[in-house]
Protein backbone atom coordinates (compact mmCIF):
# COMPACT_ATOMS: atom_id res chain seq x y z
CA MET A 1 15.19 7.69 -11.41
CA ILE A 2 12.48 5.11 -12.02
CA LEU A 3 13.64 2.07 -13.98
CA TYR A 4 11.10 -0.35 -15.39
CA PHE A 5 10.92 -3.56 -17.36
CA THR A 6 7.64 -4.61 -18.91
CA GLY A 7 6.16 -7.17 -21.28
CA THR A 8 2.54 -6.14 -21.65
CA GLY A 9 2.48 -2.74 -19.99
CA ASN A 10 1.64 -3.45 -16.34
CA SER A 11 4.99 -2.38 -14.92
CA ALA A 12 5.25 0.50 -17.38
CA TYR A 13 1.88 1.77 -16.15
CA VAL A 14 2.91 1.50 -12.49
CA ALA A 15 6.27 3.18 -13.17
CA HIS A 16 4.65 6.14 -14.90
CA ALA A 17 1.97 6.39 -12.20
CA ILE A 18 4.70 6.63 -9.54
CA ALA A 19 6.59 9.18 -11.65
CA LYS A 20 3.46 11.31 -11.91
CA GLU A 21 3.23 11.49 -8.11
CA THR A 22 6.94 11.83 -7.33
CA GLY A 23 7.99 14.02 -10.25
CA ASP A 24 10.86 11.67 -11.08
CA LYS A 25 12.18 10.59 -14.48
CA VAL A 26 11.43 7.21 -16.05
CA LEU A 27 13.87 4.95 -17.92
CA SER A 28 12.93 1.80 -19.85
CA LEU A 29 15.13 -1.21 -19.17
CA ASN A 30 13.53 -2.80 -22.25
CA GLU A 31 15.19 -0.17 -24.41
CA MET A 32 18.53 -0.62 -22.64
CA MET A 33 18.40 -4.37 -23.22
CA LYS A 34 17.40 -3.99 -26.85
CA LYS A 35 20.25 -1.55 -27.52
CA GLY A 36 22.74 -3.58 -25.47
CA SER A 37 23.32 -0.50 -23.32
CA LYS A 38 24.92 -0.68 -19.88
CA GLU A 39 25.25 3.07 -19.42
CA LYS A 40 25.99 4.69 -16.08
CA ILE A 41 22.85 5.80 -14.26
CA ILE A 42 23.01 8.91 -12.09
CA SER A 43 20.05 9.75 -9.87
CA GLU A 44 19.70 12.47 -7.26
CA LEU A 45 16.47 10.90 -6.01
CA PRO A 46 16.24 7.30 -4.74
CA LEU A 47 16.22 4.65 -7.46
CA VAL A 48 12.91 2.89 -8.03
CA VAL A 49 12.89 -0.41 -9.92
CA VAL A 50 9.46 -1.45 -11.21
CA VAL A 51 9.34 -4.90 -12.75
CA PRO A 52 7.02 -7.90 -13.12
CA THR A 53 7.35 -11.00 -10.98
CA TYR A 54 8.50 -14.14 -12.78
CA ALA A 55 7.88 -17.22 -10.64
CA TRP A 56 7.92 -15.12 -7.47
CA ARG A 57 11.15 -13.26 -8.20
CA VAL A 58 12.55 -10.38 -10.25
CA PRO A 59 13.14 -11.51 -13.86
CA ARG A 60 16.67 -12.80 -14.29
CA VAL A 61 17.25 -10.53 -17.29
CA VAL A 62 16.60 -7.57 -14.98
CA SER A 63 18.86 -8.69 -12.14
CA ASP A 64 21.59 -9.52 -14.67
CA LEU A 65 21.34 -6.03 -16.19
CA ILE A 66 21.35 -4.31 -12.80
CA ARG A 67 24.56 -6.15 -11.94
CA GLN A 68 26.18 -4.64 -15.05
CA ILE A 69 24.99 -1.05 -14.59
CA HIS A 70 27.12 1.42 -12.63
CA PHE A 71 24.95 3.58 -10.34
CA ASN A 72 25.96 7.01 -9.05
CA GLY A 73 24.17 9.48 -6.82
CA ASN A 74 21.50 8.57 -4.29
CA PRO A 75 22.27 5.05 -2.95
CA LYS A 76 18.70 4.31 -1.85
CA VAL A 77 16.67 1.89 -3.98
CA TYR A 78 13.06 0.75 -3.84
CA PHE A 79 11.72 -2.29 -5.67
CA VAL A 80 8.09 -2.36 -6.82
CA LEU A 81 7.00 -5.72 -8.21
CA THR A 82 3.83 -6.24 -10.21
CA CYS A 83 2.23 -9.66 -10.07
CA GLY A 84 -0.96 -11.58 -10.79
CA ASP A 85 -1.16 -13.02 -7.29
CA SER A 86 1.89 -12.71 -5.01
CA ILE A 87 5.60 -11.83 -5.11
CA GLY A 88 6.46 -14.65 -2.71
CA ALA A 89 9.86 -14.23 -1.07
CA ALA A 90 11.20 -11.96 -3.83
CA GLU A 91 12.39 -9.45 -1.23
CA LYS A 92 15.08 -11.84 -0.02
CA TYR A 93 16.69 -11.89 -3.46
CA VAL A 94 16.43 -8.18 -4.30
CA LYS A 95 17.91 -7.39 -0.89
CA LYS A 96 20.87 -9.60 -1.75
CA LEU A 97 21.16 -7.90 -5.16
CA CYS A 98 21.28 -4.48 -3.48
CA ALA A 99 24.05 -5.69 -1.18
CA GLU A 100 26.06 -6.82 -4.22
CA LYS A 101 25.68 -3.36 -5.78
CA GLU A 102 26.31 -1.54 -2.48
CA LEU A 103 22.88 0.10 -2.70
CA GLN A 104 20.73 0.93 0.32
CA PHE A 105 17.70 -1.37 0.18
CA MET A 106 14.50 0.53 1.01
CA GLY A 107 12.07 -2.33 0.62
CA CYS A 108 10.09 -4.36 -1.86
CA ALA A 109 6.41 -3.58 -2.53
CA GLU A 110 3.76 -5.67 -4.27
CA VAL A 111 1.20 -4.38 -6.76
CA VAL A 112 -1.39 -6.88 -8.00
CA MET A 113 -2.15 -6.30 -11.69
CA PRO A 114 -4.00 -8.32 -14.35
CA GLU A 115 -2.46 -11.70 -15.21
CA ASN A 116 -0.60 -11.72 -18.53
CA TYR A 117 1.33 -15.01 -18.50
CA ILE A 118 -0.85 -16.77 -21.04
CA ALA A 119 1.77 -19.43 -21.73
CA VAL A 120 0.40 -21.00 -18.55
CA PHE A 121 -2.51 -18.99 -17.13
CA ALA A 122 -5.55 -17.17 -18.49
CA ALA A 123 -5.64 -13.39 -18.74
CA PRO A 124 -8.76 -11.54 -17.59
CA GLU A 125 -11.38 -10.04 -19.86
CA LYS A 126 -11.27 -6.26 -20.32
CA ASP A 127 -13.82 -5.34 -17.63
CA GLU A 128 -12.12 -7.53 -15.03
CA ALA A 129 -8.72 -6.12 -15.99
CA TYR A 130 -9.97 -2.56 -15.50
CA GLU A 131 -11.32 -3.47 -12.06
CA ILE A 132 -8.00 -5.01 -10.99
CA ILE A 133 -6.16 -1.90 -12.15
CA ARG A 134 -8.65 0.35 -10.38
CA LYS A 135 -7.99 -1.49 -7.11
CA SER A 136 -4.24 -1.06 -7.61
CA GLU A 137 -4.47 2.74 -7.73
CA SER A 138 -4.60 3.26 -3.95
CA VAL A 139 -1.72 0.81 -3.49
CA ILE A 140 0.39 2.69 -6.04
CA SER A 141 -0.48 5.99 -4.37
CA ASP A 142 0.65 4.70 -0.95
CA ILE A 143 3.87 3.38 -2.48
CA SER A 144 4.52 6.70 -4.21
CA LYS A 145 4.01 8.62 -0.98
CA LYS A 146 6.60 6.50 0.84
CA ILE A 147 9.07 6.88 -2.00
CA LYS A 148 8.59 10.65 -2.07
CA GLU A 149 9.14 10.84 1.69
CA GLU A 150 12.05 8.35 1.45
CA VAL A 151 10.38 6.05 3.97
CA SER A 152 11.22 2.33 3.86
CA PHE A 153 8.55 -0.13 2.80
CA THR A 154 7.29 -2.46 5.51
CA SER A 155 8.76 -5.96 5.16
CA PRO A 156 6.07 -8.65 5.21
CA ARG A 157 6.41 -11.90 7.11
CA ILE A 158 7.62 -14.48 4.60
CA LYS A 159 5.78 -17.80 4.78
CA PHE A 160 7.46 -21.14 4.14
CA ARG A 161 5.39 -21.63 1.00
CA SER A 162 6.69 -18.34 -0.40
CA LYS A 163 10.28 -19.40 0.26
CA ILE A 164 9.68 -22.59 -1.74
CA SER A 165 7.98 -20.66 -4.56
CA SER A 166 10.79 -18.11 -4.91
CA GLY A 167 13.49 -20.74 -4.44
CA ILE A 168 12.98 -24.24 -5.81
CA VAL A 169 9.97 -23.41 -8.00
CA ASN A 170 11.73 -20.43 -9.57
CA ASN A 171 14.74 -22.56 -10.47
CA LEU A 172 12.49 -25.23 -12.01
CA PHE A 173 10.56 -22.54 -13.88
CA TYR A 174 13.68 -21.30 -15.64
CA ARG A 175 15.05 -24.77 -16.24
CA PHE A 176 11.95 -26.34 -17.77
CA ILE A 177 9.44 -23.65 -18.77
CA VAL A 178 11.21 -20.49 -19.94
CA LYS A 179 11.89 -21.58 -23.50
CA ALA A 180 10.96 -20.01 -26.81
CA LYS A 181 10.36 -23.26 -28.67
CA GLY A 182 6.66 -23.23 -27.79
CA PHE A 183 6.01 -20.07 -29.81
CA TYR A 184 4.81 -20.34 -33.39
CA VAL A 185 2.96 -18.20 -35.89
CA THR A 186 -0.26 -19.07 -37.70
CA ASP A 187 -1.09 -18.48 -41.36
CA SER A 188 -2.84 -15.24 -40.44
CA CYS A 189 0.54 -13.53 -39.84
CA ASN A 190 0.87 -10.47 -42.11
CA SER A 191 4.60 -9.92 -41.50
CA CYS A 192 4.07 -6.58 -39.72
CA GLY A 193 7.18 -7.15 -37.58
CA TYR A 194 5.65 -5.96 -34.30
CA CYS A 195 6.98 -9.04 -32.50
CA VAL A 196 10.52 -8.30 -33.70
CA ARG A 197 10.34 -4.69 -32.54
CA SER A 198 8.75 -5.48 -29.19
CA CYS A 199 11.16 -8.23 -28.09
CA PRO A 200 13.54 -6.70 -25.51
CA LEU A 201 16.14 -9.41 -26.09
CA ASN A 202 16.19 -9.22 -29.91
CA ASN A 203 15.25 -12.89 -29.92
CA ILE A 204 12.83 -12.74 -32.86
CA GLN A 205 13.80 -12.33 -36.50
CA LEU A 206 11.73 -12.37 -39.69
CA GLU A 207 12.74 -15.17 -42.03
CA ASP A 208 10.79 -15.42 -45.29
CA LYS A 209 8.57 -12.71 -43.79
CA LYS A 210 7.61 -14.86 -40.80
CA PRO A 211 8.88 -14.58 -37.20
CA VAL A 212 11.40 -17.12 -35.96
CA TRP A 213 12.32 -17.33 -32.28
CA GLY A 214 15.86 -17.84 -31.04
CA LYS A 215 16.88 -19.32 -27.69
CA ASP A 216 17.28 -16.08 -25.71
CA CYS A 217 13.71 -15.73 -24.39
CA THR A 218 12.50 -14.47 -21.00
CA HIS A 219 8.77 -15.23 -21.48
CA CYS A 220 7.74 -11.58 -21.15
CA MET A 221 4.72 -12.23 -23.43
CA ALA A 222 5.31 -9.00 -25.37
CA CYS A 223 5.14 -10.77 -28.73
CA ILE A 224 2.13 -13.02 -28.19
CA CYS A 225 0.04 -10.48 -26.30
CA GLY A 226 1.01 -7.58 -28.55
CA CYS A 227 0.50 -9.17 -31.96
CA PRO A 228 -2.14 -6.92 -33.55
CA ILE A 229 -3.89 -9.80 -35.31
CA LYS A 230 -3.32 -12.50 -32.68
CA ALA A 231 -1.28 -14.63 -35.06
CA ILE A 232 1.11 -15.97 -32.40
CA GLU A 233 0.42 -19.02 -30.25
CA TYR A 234 2.32 -20.85 -27.53
CA GLY A 235 1.80 -24.57 -28.01
CA LYS A 236 -1.79 -25.47 -27.19
CA ASN A 237 -1.76 -23.42 -23.99
CA SER A 238 -2.61 -20.05 -25.51
CA LYS A 239 -5.39 -21.03 -27.89
CA SER A 240 -8.62 -19.08 -27.38
CA LYS A 241 -7.09 -17.12 -24.49
CA VAL A 242 -7.41 -13.36 -24.09
CA ARG A 243 -4.34 -11.44 -25.26
CA TYR A 244 -3.65 -8.95 -22.50
CA GLN A 245 -2.04 -5.54 -22.74
CA CYS A 246 -2.49 -3.01 -19.96
CA PRO A 247 -5.44 -0.88 -21.14
CA ASN A 248 -4.11 2.11 -19.17
CA TYR A 249 -0.67 1.83 -20.76
CA PRO A 250 -0.72 -0.27 -23.96
CA MET A 251 2.68 -1.15 -25.35
CA LYS A 252 3.80 1.20 -28.11
CA GLU A 253 5.68 0.55 -31.32
CA ASN A 254 9.44 0.92 -30.92
């Protein structure tokens, strides 16, 4: 079973690409979160968890959900993390998570995909995004082959800088940056409700036909990057920036 969480389609694309090569089934963690589901997951093949990297670690909403799910069947689990640059020392933390769940850790792989975190960074233009995705194809293929053969991923040497990024920086990121209060909607909003439907945490509601954000936000960028008329901004940081959705796997209406 391949489990994925995605904001703008990168991890969804990678998950489905792996499924195409391994013949495995795919399950959206976004849908599980949105429905409040913590159903038992049974998999004859090794579990594969494909998720984005938030400040050099697995998103907390994902690790929290995994802790609540009961897994049966094959105890092996692979983690595949998409990122704009590096996954840092994320492996240390997913390995610990696997130990908590009594799952057999088979490694943590990195797949560089186009940047989408426009609350801070700039996303690439379409041509550059396509080139980044094209370069990822051979990496995804190698990962898929190892998963199919049930071979462990090679563990990279973790540098001191990566330990700091995944440790102290990650904690600061969640404490000071991951907040919904920066989001707002412009007058161009047409009340289509896409942002409400796309939010995996049900954190957005329409009030007087305009979106209002609650406090339960994970900064997945699904709302701001998916708004069909680009009516959502994040403070001054997002103005004039490209809204990125994976061109090979654009997010669909729920």
